[in-house]
Amino acid sequence: MEAIDGEILDQLKQVENGQMTVVEFEDWLVPKTWDTRSELVAELDHTLAEKSLLTEEQLVSELVSFAREAALKPAHSG
């Protein structure tokens, strides 16, 4: 897991708890990760790009799911 991924997890916890909207999360995420190539960032970008196809609940579920999976993966050693 990359350092930014921990920050993303913290922000997504706020989304999941209703303390932040998905729009607010996206507004935070885009400038924070524009030069980041982590797997999690790629997954979140893809999901957010298709947000019009999902309900708010589905979108939050997908975002949180990707973040939890990333948190469980070991850090890359190279």
Protein backbone atom coordinates (compact mmCIF):
# COMPACT_ATOMS: atom_id res chain seq x y z
CA MET A 1 0.00 0.00 0.00
CA GLU A 2 1.34 3.41 -0.92
CA ALA A 3 1.39 6.35 1.50
CA ILE A 4 -1.41 8.17 -0.33
CA ASP A 5 -3.57 5.08 -0.01
CA GLY A 6 -3.73 5.59 3.78
CA GLU A 7 -4.94 9.15 3.28
CA ILE A 8 -7.52 7.89 0.80
CA LEU A 9 -8.75 5.32 3.31
CA ASP A 10 -9.20 8.04 5.92
CA GLN A 11 -11.19 10.20 3.49
CA LEU A 12 -13.34 7.26 2.39
CA LYS A 13 -14.18 6.48 6.02
CA GLN A 14 -15.65 9.97 6.18
CA VAL A 15 -17.67 9.28 3.02
CA GLU A 16 -18.88 5.97 4.40
CA ASN A 17 -19.91 7.65 7.68
CA GLY A 18 -21.77 10.45 5.89
CA GLN A 19 -19.28 13.13 7.00
CA MET A 20 -18.22 13.82 3.41
CA THR A 21 -20.08 13.49 0.11
CA VAL A 22 -18.74 11.61 -2.89
CA VAL A 23 -18.41 14.96 -4.70
CA GLU A 24 -16.33 16.36 -1.84
CA PHE A 25 -14.20 13.21 -1.87
CA GLU A 26 -13.65 13.50 -5.62
CA ASP A 27 -12.77 17.20 -5.23
CA TRP A 28 -10.15 16.17 -2.65
CA LEU A 29 -8.90 13.12 -4.57
CA VAL A 30 -8.26 14.57 -8.02
CA PRO A 31 -5.71 17.28 -7.15
CA LYS A 32 -4.16 15.12 -4.42
CA THR A 33 -3.47 12.18 -6.76
CA TRP A 34 -3.05 13.69 -10.24
CA ASP A 35 0.53 12.37 -10.44
CA THR A 36 -0.03 9.12 -8.52
CA ARG A 37 -0.14 5.80 -10.30
CA SER A 38 -1.18 3.49 -7.47
CA GLU A 39 -3.57 0.66 -8.23
CA LEU A 40 -6.07 2.09 -5.76
CA VAL A 41 -6.05 5.53 -7.40
CA ALA A 42 -6.60 3.91 -10.81
CA GLU A 43 -9.55 1.89 -9.48
CA LEU A 44 -11.11 4.91 -7.78
CA ASP A 45 -10.65 7.10 -10.88
CA HIS A 46 -12.34 4.44 -13.01
CA THR A 47 -15.24 4.08 -10.58
CA LEU A 48 -15.73 7.83 -10.28
CA ALA A 49 -15.70 8.15 -14.07
CA GLU A 50 -18.69 5.80 -14.19
CA LYS A 51 -20.53 7.35 -11.24
CA SER A 52 -23.54 8.30 -13.35
CA LEU A 53 -24.25 4.57 -13.81
CA LEU A 54 -24.43 3.89 -10.06
CA THR A 55 -26.61 5.00 -7.20
CA GLU A 56 -24.89 7.00 -4.45
CA GLU A 57 -25.03 3.94 -2.20
CA GLN A 58 -23.50 1.69 -4.86
CA LEU A 59 -20.80 4.24 -5.57
CA VAL A 60 -19.81 4.56 -1.92
CA SER A 61 -19.81 0.77 -1.58
CA GLU A 62 -17.53 0.36 -4.60
CA LEU A 63 -15.11 3.07 -3.46
CA VAL A 64 -14.88 1.69 0.08
CA SER A 65 -14.46 -1.85 -1.23
CA PHE A 66 -11.48 -0.88 -3.39
CA ALA A 67 -9.90 0.99 -0.50
CA ARG A 68 -10.29 -1.94 1.89
CA GLU A 69 -8.77 -4.33 -0.66
CA ALA A 70 -5.80 -1.98 -1.12
CA ALA A 71 -5.29 -1.81 2.65
CA LEU A 72 -5.00 -5.59 2.81
CA LYS A 73 -2.39 -5.88 0.05
CA PRO A 74 1.28 -5.96 1.04
CA ALA A 75 3.42 -3.00 0.01
CA HIS A 76 5.44 -3.36 -3.19
CA SER A 77 9.10 -4.01 -2.50
CA GLY A 78 10.44 -2.57 -5.71
